[in-house]
Amino acid sequence: MTSLQLYSFFMSSSAYSVRIALNVKGLEYEYKAVNLFKWEQQRPEYLKINPIGFVPSLKDGDLVLADSFAIIMYLEEKYPQHALLPRDLKKKAINYQAASIVTSSMQPLIRIPILGYIGRNLGEDEKISWVHKHLGKGFAALEMLLRDHAGKYATGDEIFLADVFLQPIIHASQRYDIDMSEYPLMSRLSMAYQQVPAIQAAMPENQPDAPLLTD
């Protein structure tokens, strides 16, 4: 059996990023579902794995890692097949910056506890306004950052670190009816990502804990 175990929730954009990285590198792993809607991330047995109570978490043998960026950097170092960082120093820096915009200025602001707090205390309209404001700000920054570097994907014609984080946050934005026509590069990249088998396999709807859709 594989030593890799991924604690994931199908709708988590952070976990989606790790799934993409694992798939791009061709790594087999055991999927361990953590239902955020049922607050399984706060159960004592899970807090022993990830004390902050978020997903994803990754077990590799006796090593336990939390935080999507830390996990992906670990995978990059230990499993060098299909490098997620280009050799060119400038392109590498752009990948780090794009990933940082998503992980520090976008994903944390749309976590379930944050949006739940805003919805309960300020109302659903304010919650949607919050999402549109912060995701829109991030997408605008990414458009500017990547416009001179993009090829088929964010920084060329191969899937790199920026792409691993971009597709999940673009996918998450669809839940809030953000008009992505305002971000043409993001829209074009998302269309390209949907044709990549490693990304298709990582999509939320293709996870074992995703609810079955019936007619």
N, C-alpha and C. Protein backbone atom coordinates (compact mmCIF):
# COMPACT_ATOMS: atom_id res chain seq x y z
N MET A 1 0.84 -1.20 0.00
CA MET A 1 0.00 0.00 0.00
C MET A 1 0.87 1.24 0.00
N THR A 2 0.36 2.31 -0.58
CA THR A 2 1.09 3.56 -0.60
C THR A 2 1.23 4.12 0.81
N SER A 3 2.34 4.82 1.05
CA SER A 3 2.53 5.44 2.36
C SER A 3 1.86 6.79 2.45
N LEU A 4 1.38 7.32 1.32
CA LEU A 4 0.78 8.65 1.30
C LEU A 4 -0.71 8.56 1.63
N GLN A 5 -1.13 9.36 2.60
CA GLN A 5 -2.54 9.48 2.95
C GLN A 5 -2.89 10.97 2.93
N LEU A 6 -3.91 11.32 2.17
CA LEU A 6 -4.34 12.71 2.07
C LEU A 6 -5.68 12.88 2.77
N TYR A 7 -5.70 13.73 3.78
CA TYR A 7 -6.94 14.11 4.46
C TYR A 7 -7.51 15.30 3.70
N SER A 8 -8.69 15.10 3.13
CA SER A 8 -9.21 16.04 2.13
C SER A 8 -10.71 16.20 2.28
N PHE A 9 -11.21 17.30 1.74
CA PHE A 9 -12.65 17.52 1.58
C PHE A 9 -12.87 17.94 0.14
N PHE A 10 -13.83 17.36 -0.51
CA PHE A 10 -13.97 17.53 -1.96
C PHE A 10 -14.07 18.99 -2.37
N MET A 11 -14.71 19.84 -1.54
CA MET A 11 -14.91 21.23 -1.91
C MET A 11 -13.76 22.16 -1.51
N SER A 12 -12.81 21.68 -0.76
CA SER A 12 -11.71 22.53 -0.30
C SER A 12 -10.77 22.86 -1.45
N SER A 13 -10.60 24.16 -1.72
CA SER A 13 -9.69 24.55 -2.80
C SER A 13 -8.24 24.25 -2.44
N SER A 14 -7.91 24.33 -1.15
CA SER A 14 -6.54 24.00 -0.72
C SER A 14 -6.24 22.52 -0.95
N ALA A 15 -7.20 21.66 -0.58
CA ALA A 15 -7.01 20.23 -0.81
C ALA A 15 -6.99 19.92 -2.30
N TYR A 16 -7.77 20.64 -3.07
CA TYR A 16 -7.79 20.49 -4.54
C TYR A 16 -6.39 20.73 -5.09
N SER A 17 -5.70 21.75 -4.60
CA SER A 17 -4.34 22.03 -5.06
C SER A 17 -3.40 20.87 -4.79
N VAL A 18 -3.50 20.29 -3.60
CA VAL A 18 -2.63 19.16 -3.27
C VAL A 18 -2.95 17.95 -4.14
N ARG A 19 -4.24 17.73 -4.39
CA ARG A 19 -4.62 16.61 -5.27
C ARG A 19 -4.02 16.79 -6.66
N ILE A 20 -4.05 18.01 -7.17
CA ILE A 20 -3.45 18.27 -8.48
C ILE A 20 -1.96 17.94 -8.45
N ALA A 21 -1.26 18.43 -7.43
CA ALA A 21 0.19 18.19 -7.33
C ALA A 21 0.49 16.70 -7.28
N LEU A 22 -0.25 15.96 -6.48
CA LEU A 22 -0.05 14.51 -6.40
C LEU A 22 -0.29 13.84 -7.75
N ASN A 23 -1.34 14.25 -8.44
CA ASN A 23 -1.67 13.64 -9.72
C ASN A 23 -0.64 14.00 -10.79
N VAL A 24 -0.22 15.26 -10.82
CA VAL A 24 0.77 15.68 -11.82
C VAL A 24 2.06 14.88 -11.65
N LYS A 25 2.42 14.62 -10.40
CA LYS A 25 3.63 13.86 -10.13
C LYS A 25 3.43 12.34 -10.23
N GLY A 26 2.20 11.93 -10.49
CA GLY A 26 1.93 10.51 -10.66
C GLY A 26 2.03 9.72 -9.38
N LEU A 27 1.71 10.34 -8.24
CA LEU A 27 1.83 9.69 -6.94
C LEU A 27 0.49 9.08 -6.51
N GLU A 28 0.51 7.85 -6.11
CA GLU A 28 -0.69 7.21 -5.57
C GLU A 28 -0.84 7.58 -4.10
N TYR A 29 -2.08 7.73 -3.68
CA TYR A 29 -2.33 8.08 -2.29
C TYR A 29 -3.69 7.56 -1.85
N GLU A 30 -3.82 7.41 -0.55
CA GLU A 30 -5.10 7.00 0.04
C GLU A 30 -5.89 8.25 0.42
N TYR A 31 -7.13 8.31 -0.02
CA TYR A 31 -7.98 9.48 0.24
C TYR A 31 -8.71 9.28 1.56
N LYS A 32 -8.52 10.22 2.49
CA LYS A 32 -9.19 10.17 3.79
C LYS A 32 -10.12 11.38 3.88
N ALA A 33 -11.41 11.14 3.77
CA ALA A 33 -12.37 12.24 3.73
C ALA A 33 -12.58 12.86 5.11
N VAL A 34 -12.60 14.19 5.14
CA VAL A 34 -12.91 14.96 6.35
C VAL A 34 -14.04 15.91 5.98
N ASN A 35 -15.24 15.68 6.51
CA ASN A 35 -16.40 16.48 6.12
C ASN A 35 -16.44 17.78 6.90
N LEU A 36 -16.11 18.87 6.22
CA LEU A 36 -16.07 20.17 6.89
C LEU A 36 -17.46 20.65 7.29
N PHE A 37 -18.48 20.26 6.54
CA PHE A 37 -19.83 20.68 6.86
C PHE A 37 -20.34 20.02 8.16
N LYS A 38 -19.78 18.85 8.47
CA LYS A 38 -20.15 18.17 9.72
C LYS A 38 -19.13 18.46 10.82
N TRP A 39 -18.21 19.38 10.56
CA TRP A 39 -17.20 19.81 11.53
C TRP A 39 -16.31 18.66 12.00
N GLU A 40 -16.08 17.71 11.10
CA GLU A 40 -15.17 16.61 11.44
C GLU A 40 -13.74 17.09 11.65
N GLN A 41 -13.42 18.27 11.09
CA GLN A 41 -12.07 18.83 11.25
C GLN A 41 -11.80 19.27 12.68
N GLN A 42 -12.85 19.37 13.50
CA GLN A 42 -12.69 19.78 14.90
C GLN A 42 -12.77 18.60 15.88
N ARG A 43 -12.91 17.41 15.35
CA ARG A 43 -12.94 16.24 16.23
C ARG A 43 -11.54 15.98 16.80
N PRO A 44 -11.49 15.52 18.04
CA PRO A 44 -10.18 15.32 18.70
C PRO A 44 -9.23 14.44 17.91
N GLU A 45 -9.75 13.39 17.27
CA GLU A 45 -8.87 12.49 16.54
C GLU A 45 -8.23 13.18 15.33
N TYR A 46 -8.97 14.13 14.71
CA TYR A 46 -8.37 14.85 13.59
C TYR A 46 -7.43 15.95 14.08
N LEU A 47 -7.75 16.59 15.19
CA LEU A 47 -6.88 17.64 15.72
C LEU A 47 -5.52 17.09 16.14
N LYS A 48 -5.44 15.79 16.40
CA LYS A 48 -4.14 15.18 16.67
C LYS A 48 -3.29 15.15 15.41
N ILE A 49 -3.95 15.11 14.27
CA ILE A 49 -3.25 15.11 12.98
C ILE A 49 -2.93 16.53 12.55
N ASN A 50 -3.92 17.41 12.68
CA ASN A 50 -3.76 18.81 12.27
C ASN A 50 -4.34 19.70 13.36
N PRO A 51 -3.52 20.20 14.28
CA PRO A 51 -4.03 20.94 15.44
C PRO A 51 -4.81 22.21 15.09
N ILE A 52 -4.59 22.77 13.90
CA ILE A 52 -5.33 23.99 13.55
C ILE A 52 -6.72 23.66 13.01
N GLY A 53 -6.94 22.39 12.68
CA GLY A 53 -8.28 21.98 12.29
C GLY A 53 -8.70 22.38 10.89
N PHE A 54 -7.78 22.35 9.94
CA PHE A 54 -8.09 22.63 8.54
C PHE A 54 -7.73 21.41 7.70
N VAL A 55 -8.17 21.40 6.46
CA VAL A 55 -7.65 20.46 5.47
C VAL A 55 -6.94 21.29 4.41
N PRO A 56 -5.98 20.67 3.72
CA PRO A 56 -5.59 19.27 3.76
C PRO A 56 -4.52 18.99 4.82
N SER A 57 -4.35 17.71 5.09
CA SER A 57 -3.21 17.18 5.82
C SER A 57 -2.68 16.00 5.03
N LEU A 58 -1.39 15.77 5.13
CA LEU A 58 -0.77 14.67 4.41
C LEU A 58 0.09 13.85 5.36
N LYS A 59 -0.10 12.54 5.33
CA LYS A 59 0.78 11.62 6.02
C LYS A 59 1.66 10.92 5.00
N ASP A 60 2.96 10.93 5.24
CA ASP A 60 3.90 10.18 4.42
C ASP A 60 4.72 9.34 5.38
N GLY A 61 4.31 8.10 5.58
CA GLY A 61 4.95 7.28 6.59
C GLY A 61 4.68 7.85 7.97
N ASP A 62 5.75 8.18 8.69
CA ASP A 62 5.57 8.73 10.04
C ASP A 62 5.57 10.26 10.06
N LEU A 63 5.65 10.87 8.89
CA LEU A 63 5.61 12.34 8.81
C LEU A 63 4.20 12.82 8.56
N VAL A 64 3.77 13.84 9.30
CA VAL A 64 2.46 14.46 9.10
C VAL A 64 2.68 15.94 8.78
N LEU A 65 2.09 16.39 7.69
CA LEU A 65 2.19 17.79 7.28
C LEU A 65 0.81 18.38 7.09
N ALA A 66 0.66 19.64 7.46
CA ALA A 66 -0.56 20.40 7.18
C ALA A 66 -0.17 21.64 6.40
N ASP A 67 -1.16 22.28 5.78
CA ASP A 67 -0.99 23.47 4.96
C ASP A 67 -0.60 23.07 3.53
N SER A 68 -1.41 23.48 2.59
CA SER A 68 -1.24 23.06 1.19
C SER A 68 0.11 23.46 0.62
N PHE A 69 0.58 24.67 0.93
CA PHE A 69 1.85 25.12 0.36
C PHE A 69 3.00 24.28 0.91
N ALA A 70 3.00 24.04 2.22
CA ALA A 70 4.05 23.22 2.83
C ALA A 70 4.03 21.80 2.27
N ILE A 71 2.84 21.24 2.10
CA ILE A 71 2.72 19.89 1.56
C ILE A 71 3.29 19.82 0.15
N ILE A 72 2.92 20.78 -0.69
CA ILE A 72 3.36 20.74 -2.08
C ILE A 72 4.86 20.97 -2.19
N MET A 73 5.43 21.83 -1.35
CA MET A 73 6.87 22.03 -1.37
C MET A 73 7.60 20.76 -0.91
N TYR A 74 7.03 20.07 0.04
CA TYR A 74 7.60 18.79 0.48
C TYR A 74 7.56 17.77 -0.66
N LEU A 75 6.41 17.66 -1.32
CA LEU A 75 6.31 16.73 -2.44
C LEU A 75 7.29 17.09 -3.54
N GLU A 76 7.49 18.36 -3.77
CA GLU A 76 8.42 18.81 -4.80
C GLU A 76 9.84 18.38 -4.49
N GLU A 77 10.22 18.46 -3.21
CA GLU A 77 11.58 18.09 -2.81
C GLU A 77 11.77 16.57 -2.82
N LYS A 78 10.80 15.83 -2.30
CA LYS A 78 10.97 14.38 -2.15
C LYS A 78 10.71 13.62 -3.44
N TYR A 79 9.76 14.12 -4.23
CA TYR A 79 9.36 13.41 -5.45
C TYR A 79 9.60 14.33 -6.65
N PRO A 80 10.82 14.34 -7.18
CA PRO A 80 11.19 15.35 -8.19
C PRO A 80 10.59 15.14 -9.57
N GLN A 81 9.93 13.99 -9.81
CA GLN A 81 9.36 13.78 -11.14
C GLN A 81 8.32 14.86 -11.45
N HIS A 82 8.34 15.31 -12.69
CA HIS A 82 7.53 16.45 -13.15
C HIS A 82 7.64 17.61 -12.16
N ALA A 83 8.75 18.31 -12.25
CA ALA A 83 9.01 19.44 -11.35
C ALA A 83 7.90 20.48 -11.45
N LEU A 84 7.48 20.99 -10.31
CA LEU A 84 6.44 22.03 -10.27
C LEU A 84 7.03 23.43 -10.25
N LEU A 85 8.34 23.52 -10.25
CA LEU A 85 9.02 24.81 -10.33
C LEU A 85 9.97 24.81 -11.52
N PRO A 86 9.90 25.83 -12.36
CA PRO A 86 10.82 25.89 -13.50
C PRO A 86 12.24 26.18 -13.05
N ARG A 87 13.20 25.84 -13.87
CA ARG A 87 14.60 26.11 -13.54
C ARG A 87 14.93 27.59 -13.62
N ASP A 88 14.29 28.28 -14.56
CA ASP A 88 14.55 29.71 -14.73
C ASP A 88 14.16 30.47 -13.46
N LEU A 89 15.11 31.22 -12.92
CA LEU A 89 14.90 31.88 -11.63
C LEU A 89 13.74 32.87 -11.67
N LYS A 90 13.63 33.64 -12.75
CA LYS A 90 12.55 34.63 -12.84
C LYS A 90 11.19 33.94 -12.91
N LYS A 91 11.09 32.89 -13.71
CA LYS A 91 9.81 32.17 -13.80
C LYS A 91 9.48 31.50 -12.47
N LYS A 92 10.50 31.01 -11.79
CA LYS A 92 10.27 30.40 -10.48
C LYS A 92 9.70 31.43 -9.51
N ALA A 93 10.27 32.64 -9.53
CA ALA A 93 9.79 33.70 -8.64
C ALA A 93 8.35 34.08 -8.95
N ILE A 94 7.98 34.11 -10.24
CA ILE A 94 6.60 34.42 -10.62
C ILE A 94 5.66 33.34 -10.11
N ASN A 95 6.08 32.09 -10.18
CA ASN A 95 5.26 31.00 -9.66
C ASN A 95 5.05 31.14 -8.16
N TYR A 96 6.12 31.46 -7.44
CA TYR A 96 5.98 31.66 -6.00
C TYR A 96 5.01 32.81 -5.70
N GLN A 97 5.12 33.90 -6.46
CA GLN A 97 4.28 35.06 -6.18
C GLN A 97 2.81 34.74 -6.48
N ALA A 98 2.55 34.08 -7.60
CA ALA A 98 1.17 33.73 -7.93
C ALA A 98 0.57 32.80 -6.88
N ALA A 99 1.34 31.81 -6.45
CA ALA A 99 0.87 30.88 -5.42
C ALA A 99 0.61 31.62 -4.11
N SER A 100 1.46 32.59 -3.80
CA SER A 100 1.30 33.35 -2.56
C SER A 100 0.05 34.23 -2.60
N ILE A 101 -0.25 34.81 -3.73
CA ILE A 101 -1.47 35.62 -3.84
C ILE A 101 -2.69 34.76 -3.51
N VAL A 102 -2.72 33.55 -4.05
CA VAL A 102 -3.86 32.67 -3.80
C VAL A 102 -3.90 32.23 -2.34
N THR A 103 -2.75 31.77 -1.81
CA THR A 103 -2.76 31.15 -0.48
C THR A 103 -2.81 32.15 0.65
N SER A 104 -2.39 33.40 0.41
CA SER A 104 -2.38 34.37 1.51
C SER A 104 -3.47 35.43 1.38
N SER A 105 -3.91 35.74 0.16
CA SER A 105 -4.84 36.85 -0.03
C SER A 105 -6.20 36.45 -0.59
N MET A 106 -6.38 35.16 -0.88
CA MET A 106 -7.66 34.73 -1.45
C MET A 106 -8.26 33.57 -0.65
N GLN A 107 -7.58 32.42 -0.67
CA GLN A 107 -8.14 31.24 0.01
C GLN A 107 -8.51 31.47 1.48
N PRO A 108 -7.64 32.10 2.29
CA PRO A 108 -7.99 32.23 3.71
C PRO A 108 -9.24 33.07 3.97
N LEU A 109 -9.56 33.97 3.04
CA LEU A 109 -10.68 34.88 3.24
C LEU A 109 -12.02 34.27 2.86
N ILE A 110 -12.00 33.07 2.27
CA ILE A 110 -13.28 32.43 1.93
C ILE A 110 -13.42 31.08 2.63
N ARG A 111 -12.68 30.89 3.72
CA ARG A 111 -12.85 29.67 4.50
C ARG A 111 -14.24 29.62 5.13
N ILE A 112 -14.72 28.41 5.37
CA ILE A 112 -16.06 28.22 5.92
C ILE A 112 -16.28 29.01 7.21
N PRO A 113 -15.34 29.00 8.18
CA PRO A 113 -15.60 29.78 9.41
C PRO A 113 -15.72 31.28 9.17
N ILE A 114 -14.91 31.81 8.26
CA ILE A 114 -14.96 33.25 7.96
C ILE A 114 -16.30 33.61 7.34
N LEU A 115 -16.70 32.87 6.31
CA LEU A 115 -17.95 33.19 5.62
C LEU A 115 -19.16 32.92 6.51
N GLY A 116 -19.06 31.90 7.35
CA GLY A 116 -20.15 31.63 8.28
C GLY A 116 -20.33 32.77 9.25
N TYR A 117 -19.24 33.32 9.75
CA TYR A 117 -19.29 34.44 10.70
C TYR A 117 -19.91 35.67 10.04
N ILE A 118 -19.47 35.98 8.82
CA ILE A 118 -20.02 37.15 8.12
C ILE A 118 -21.51 36.95 7.84
N GLY A 119 -21.87 35.76 7.38
CA GLY A 119 -23.28 35.49 7.08
C GLY A 119 -24.18 35.61 8.30
N ARG A 120 -23.72 35.09 9.43
CA ARG A 120 -24.53 35.13 10.66
C ARG A 120 -24.65 36.54 11.23
N ASN A 121 -23.59 37.31 11.15
CA ASN A 121 -23.56 38.61 11.82
C ASN A 121 -23.88 39.80 10.92
N LEU A 122 -23.63 39.65 9.63
CA LEU A 122 -23.85 40.78 8.72
C LEU A 122 -24.85 40.47 7.62
N GLY A 123 -25.15 39.19 7.41
CA GLY A 123 -26.13 38.83 6.40
C GLY A 123 -25.50 38.21 5.17
N GLU A 124 -26.31 37.48 4.42
CA GLU A 124 -25.83 36.77 3.24
C GLU A 124 -25.35 37.72 2.15
N ASP A 125 -26.01 38.87 1.99
CA ASP A 125 -25.57 39.82 0.96
C ASP A 125 -24.16 40.33 1.24
N GLU A 126 -23.88 40.60 2.50
CA GLU A 126 -22.54 41.07 2.86
C GLU A 126 -21.51 39.97 2.64
N LYS A 127 -21.91 38.74 2.88
CA LYS A 127 -20.99 37.62 2.66
C LYS A 127 -20.60 37.54 1.18
N ILE A 128 -21.58 37.64 0.30
CA ILE A 128 -21.30 37.57 -1.14
C ILE A 128 -20.45 38.77 -1.56
N SER A 129 -20.74 39.94 -1.03
CA SER A 129 -19.96 41.13 -1.36
C SER A 129 -18.50 40.96 -0.93
N TRP A 130 -18.31 40.34 0.25
CA TRP A 130 -16.97 40.08 0.76
C TRP A 130 -16.19 39.17 -0.20
N VAL A 131 -16.85 38.09 -0.65
CA VAL A 131 -16.19 37.15 -1.56
C VAL A 131 -15.85 37.84 -2.86
N HIS A 132 -16.79 38.57 -3.43
CA HIS A 132 -16.55 39.24 -4.70
C HIS A 132 -15.40 40.25 -4.59
N LYS A 133 -15.37 40.98 -3.49
CA LYS A 133 -14.32 41.99 -3.31
C LYS A 133 -12.94 41.35 -3.26
N HIS A 134 -12.78 40.32 -2.43
CA HIS A 134 -11.44 39.78 -2.19
C HIS A 134 -10.99 38.84 -3.30
N LEU A 135 -11.89 38.04 -3.84
CA LEU A 135 -11.49 37.23 -4.98
C LEU A 135 -11.23 38.09 -6.20
N GLY A 136 -12.07 39.11 -6.40
CA GLY A 136 -11.86 40.02 -7.53
C GLY A 136 -10.52 40.73 -7.45
N LYS A 137 -10.16 41.17 -6.26
CA LYS A 137 -8.87 41.84 -6.07
C LYS A 137 -7.73 40.89 -6.40
N GLY A 138 -7.85 39.64 -5.96
CA GLY A 138 -6.81 38.66 -6.25
C GLY A 138 -6.71 38.33 -7.73
N PHE A 139 -7.85 38.12 -8.38
CA PHE A 139 -7.82 37.81 -9.80
C PHE A 139 -7.25 38.96 -10.62
N ALA A 140 -7.58 40.18 -10.25
CA ALA A 140 -7.03 41.34 -10.96
C ALA A 140 -5.50 41.38 -10.83
N ALA A 141 -5.01 41.08 -9.63
CA ALA A 141 -3.56 41.07 -9.42
C ALA A 141 -2.90 39.95 -10.22
N LEU A 142 -3.54 38.79 -10.26
CA LEU A 142 -2.98 37.67 -11.02
C LEU A 142 -2.98 37.96 -12.52
N GLU A 143 -4.01 38.62 -13.01
CA GLU A 143 -4.03 39.01 -14.43
C GLU A 143 -2.82 39.87 -14.77
N MET A 144 -2.53 40.85 -13.92
CA MET A 144 -1.40 41.74 -14.15
C MET A 144 -0.07 41.01 -14.03
N LEU A 145 0.04 40.15 -13.03
CA LEU A 145 1.29 39.44 -12.79
C LEU A 145 1.64 38.50 -13.94
N LEU A 146 0.64 37.80 -14.46
CA LEU A 146 0.91 36.71 -15.40
C LEU A 146 0.78 37.08 -16.87
N ARG A 147 0.31 38.27 -17.16
CA ARG A 147 -0.01 38.59 -18.56
C ARG A 147 1.20 38.53 -19.48
N ASP A 148 2.40 38.78 -18.96
CA ASP A 148 3.60 38.74 -19.80
C ASP A 148 4.35 37.42 -19.67
N HIS A 149 3.80 36.48 -18.93
CA HIS A 149 4.50 35.22 -18.69
C HIS A 149 3.72 34.01 -19.15
N ALA A 150 2.42 34.16 -19.38
CA ALA A 150 1.57 33.01 -19.67
C ALA A 150 1.83 32.47 -21.07
N GLY A 151 1.74 31.17 -21.17
CA GLY A 151 1.71 30.48 -22.44
C GLY A 151 0.41 29.69 -22.49
N LYS A 152 0.51 28.41 -22.72
CA LYS A 152 -0.68 27.57 -22.63
C LYS A 152 -1.22 27.59 -21.21
N TYR A 153 -0.27 27.65 -20.25
CA TYR A 153 -0.64 27.72 -18.84
C TYR A 153 -0.07 29.00 -18.23
N ALA A 154 -0.03 29.09 -16.93
CA ALA A 154 0.24 30.38 -16.27
C ALA A 154 1.60 30.97 -16.58
N THR A 155 2.63 30.10 -16.63
CA THR A 155 3.98 30.64 -16.88
C THR A 155 4.69 29.89 -17.99
N GLY A 156 3.95 29.40 -18.94
CA GLY A 156 4.55 28.68 -20.06
C GLY A 156 3.64 27.57 -20.53
N ASP A 157 4.25 26.54 -21.07
CA ASP A 157 3.48 25.45 -21.67
C ASP A 157 3.51 24.18 -20.83
N GLU A 158 3.94 24.29 -19.58
CA GLU A 158 3.91 23.16 -18.66
C GLU A 158 3.15 23.57 -17.40
N ILE A 159 2.61 22.56 -16.72
CA ILE A 159 1.92 22.81 -15.44
C ILE A 159 2.96 23.02 -14.35
N PHE A 160 2.90 24.21 -13.72
CA PHE A 160 3.82 24.53 -12.65
C PHE A 160 3.03 24.92 -11.40
N LEU A 161 3.75 25.42 -10.40
CA LEU A 161 3.16 25.71 -9.10
C LEU A 161 1.98 26.69 -9.20
N ALA A 162 2.12 27.73 -10.00
CA ALA A 162 1.04 28.71 -10.13
C ALA A 162 -0.25 28.04 -10.59
N ASP A 163 -0.15 27.14 -11.55
CA ASP A 163 -1.33 26.46 -12.08
C ASP A 163 -2.00 25.59 -11.02
N VAL A 164 -1.18 24.96 -10.19
CA VAL A 164 -1.69 24.08 -9.14
C VAL A 164 -2.61 24.83 -8.18
N PHE A 165 -2.33 26.13 -7.98
CA PHE A 165 -3.17 26.93 -7.09
C PHE A 165 -4.24 27.73 -7.84
N LEU A 166 -4.00 28.03 -9.09
CA LEU A 166 -4.96 28.87 -9.83
C LEU A 166 -6.28 28.15 -10.11
N GLN A 167 -6.21 26.93 -10.65
CA GLN A 167 -7.45 26.26 -11.03
C GLN A 167 -8.39 26.08 -9.84
N PRO A 168 -7.93 25.69 -8.65
CA PRO A 168 -8.88 25.54 -7.53
C PRO A 168 -9.57 26.83 -7.12
N ILE A 169 -8.85 27.95 -7.13
CA ILE A 169 -9.49 29.19 -6.70
C ILE A 169 -10.44 29.70 -7.79
N ILE A 170 -10.12 29.45 -9.05
CA ILE A 170 -11.06 29.80 -10.12
C ILE A 170 -12.32 28.95 -10.00
N HIS A 171 -12.13 27.67 -9.75
CA HIS A 171 -13.28 26.78 -9.59
C HIS A 171 -14.14 27.21 -8.41
N ALA A 172 -13.51 27.59 -7.30
CA ALA A 172 -14.25 28.03 -6.12
C ALA A 172 -15.07 29.28 -6.40
N SER A 173 -14.56 30.15 -7.26
CA SER A 173 -15.27 31.40 -7.55
C SER A 173 -16.61 31.16 -8.23
N GLN A 174 -16.75 30.01 -8.89
CA GLN A 174 -18.00 29.71 -9.60
C GLN A 174 -19.18 29.57 -8.64
N ARG A 175 -18.89 29.24 -7.39
CA ARG A 175 -19.97 29.08 -6.41
C ARG A 175 -20.59 30.42 -6.03
N TYR A 176 -19.90 31.52 -6.37
CA TYR A 176 -20.35 32.84 -5.95
C TYR A 176 -20.69 33.74 -7.14
N ASP A 177 -20.87 33.14 -8.31
CA ASP A 177 -21.31 33.86 -9.51
C ASP A 177 -20.44 35.07 -9.82
N ILE A 178 -19.14 34.90 -9.68
CA ILE A 178 -18.21 35.97 -10.07
C ILE A 178 -18.11 35.98 -11.58
N ASP A 179 -18.19 37.16 -12.16
CA ASP A 179 -18.14 37.31 -13.61
C ASP A 179 -16.68 37.21 -14.06
N MET A 180 -16.28 36.02 -14.50
CA MET A 180 -14.89 35.81 -14.88
C MET A 180 -14.55 36.41 -16.23
N SER A 181 -15.55 36.94 -16.95
CA SER A 181 -15.24 37.62 -18.21
C SER A 181 -14.40 38.88 -17.96
N GLU A 182 -14.43 39.37 -16.72
CA GLU A 182 -13.58 40.51 -16.37
C GLU A 182 -12.10 40.12 -16.26
N TYR A 183 -11.85 38.82 -16.23
CA TYR A 183 -10.49 38.31 -16.07
C TYR A 183 -10.20 37.33 -17.20
N PRO A 184 -9.96 37.84 -18.40
CA PRO A 184 -9.85 36.96 -19.58
C PRO A 184 -8.72 35.95 -19.50
N LEU A 185 -7.60 36.31 -18.91
CA LEU A 185 -6.51 35.34 -18.80
C LEU A 185 -6.89 34.20 -17.87
N MET A 186 -7.50 34.53 -16.74
CA MET A 186 -7.94 33.49 -15.81
C MET A 186 -8.94 32.56 -16.50
N SER A 187 -9.84 33.12 -17.27
CA SER A 187 -10.85 32.31 -17.97
C SER A 187 -10.20 31.38 -18.99
N ARG A 188 -9.22 31.92 -19.73
CA ARG A 188 -8.54 31.09 -20.74
C ARG A 188 -7.76 29.96 -20.07
N LEU A 189 -7.07 30.28 -18.99
CA LEU A 189 -6.31 29.25 -18.28
C LEU A 189 -7.22 28.17 -17.72
N SER A 190 -8.35 28.57 -17.18
CA SER A 190 -9.27 27.58 -16.62
C SER A 190 -9.76 26.61 -17.68
N MET A 191 -10.03 27.11 -18.86
CA MET A 191 -10.44 26.23 -19.96
C MET A 191 -9.34 25.24 -20.30
N ALA A 192 -8.09 25.72 -20.30
CA ALA A 192 -6.96 24.83 -20.59
C ALA A 192 -6.78 23.78 -19.50
N TYR A 193 -6.95 24.19 -18.25
CA TYR A 193 -6.77 23.26 -17.13
C TYR A 193 -7.76 22.12 -17.19
N GLN A 194 -8.97 22.41 -17.64
CA GLN A 194 -10.01 21.39 -17.65
C GLN A 194 -9.73 20.27 -18.65
N GLN A 195 -8.72 20.47 -19.50
CA GLN A 195 -8.34 19.44 -20.47
C GLN A 195 -7.18 18.59 -19.98
N VAL A 196 -6.64 18.90 -18.81
CA VAL A 196 -5.48 18.18 -18.28
C VAL A 196 -5.96 17.02 -17.42
N PRO A 197 -5.63 15.78 -17.78
CA PRO A 197 -6.14 14.63 -17.02
C PRO A 197 -5.83 14.68 -15.53
N ALA A 198 -4.64 15.13 -15.16
CA ALA A 198 -4.28 15.19 -13.73
C ALA A 198 -5.17 16.15 -12.98
N ILE A 199 -5.61 17.22 -13.65
CA ILE A 199 -6.50 18.20 -13.02
C ILE A 199 -7.93 17.69 -13.04
N GLN A 200 -8.32 17.06 -14.13
CA GLN A 200 -9.67 16.48 -14.20
C GLN A 200 -9.90 15.50 -13.05
N ALA A 201 -8.91 14.65 -12.80
CA ALA A 201 -9.04 13.65 -11.74
C ALA A 201 -9.11 14.27 -10.36
N ALA A 202 -8.56 15.48 -10.21
CA ALA A 202 -8.54 16.15 -8.91
C ALA A 202 -9.77 17.02 -8.67
N MET A 203 -10.63 17.18 -9.67
CA MET A 203 -11.78 18.07 -9.55
C MET A 203 -12.70 17.64 -8.41
N PRO A 204 -13.33 18.58 -7.73
CA PRO A 204 -14.18 18.24 -6.58
C PRO A 204 -15.23 17.18 -6.89
N GLU A 205 -15.87 17.29 -8.03
CA GLU A 205 -16.95 16.35 -8.35
C GLU A 205 -16.46 14.93 -8.58
N ASN A 206 -15.16 14.75 -8.74
CA ASN A 206 -14.60 13.42 -9.00
C ASN A 206 -13.99 12.78 -7.75
N GLN A 207 -14.24 13.36 -6.59
CA GLN A 207 -13.69 12.81 -5.35
C GLN A 207 -14.67 11.83 -4.69
N PRO A 208 -14.15 10.87 -3.94
CA PRO A 208 -15.02 9.86 -3.34
C PRO A 208 -16.03 10.39 -2.34
N ASP A 209 -15.76 11.57 -1.76
CA ASP A 209 -16.71 12.13 -0.80
C ASP A 209 -17.65 13.16 -1.43
N ALA A 210 -17.58 13.34 -2.74
CA ALA A 210 -18.50 14.25 -3.41
C ALA A 210 -19.89 13.63 -3.46
N PRO A 211 -20.94 14.42 -3.22
CA PRO A 211 -22.30 13.86 -3.26
C PRO A 211 -22.65 13.43 -4.68
N LEU A 212 -23.37 12.32 -4.76
CA LEU A 212 -23.81 11.84 -6.07
C LEU A 212 -24.92 12.72 -6.60
N LEU A 213 -24.82 13.12 -7.87
CA LEU A 213 -25.84 13.95 -8.48
C LEU A 213 -26.83 13.05 -9.20
N THR A 214 -28.10 13.30 -8.96
CA THR A 214 -29.15 12.51 -9.62
C THR A 214 -30.08 13.44 -10.37
N ASP A 215 -30.69 12.92 -11.41
CA ASP A 215 -31.65 13.72 -12.20
C ASP A 215 -32.92 13.96 -11.40
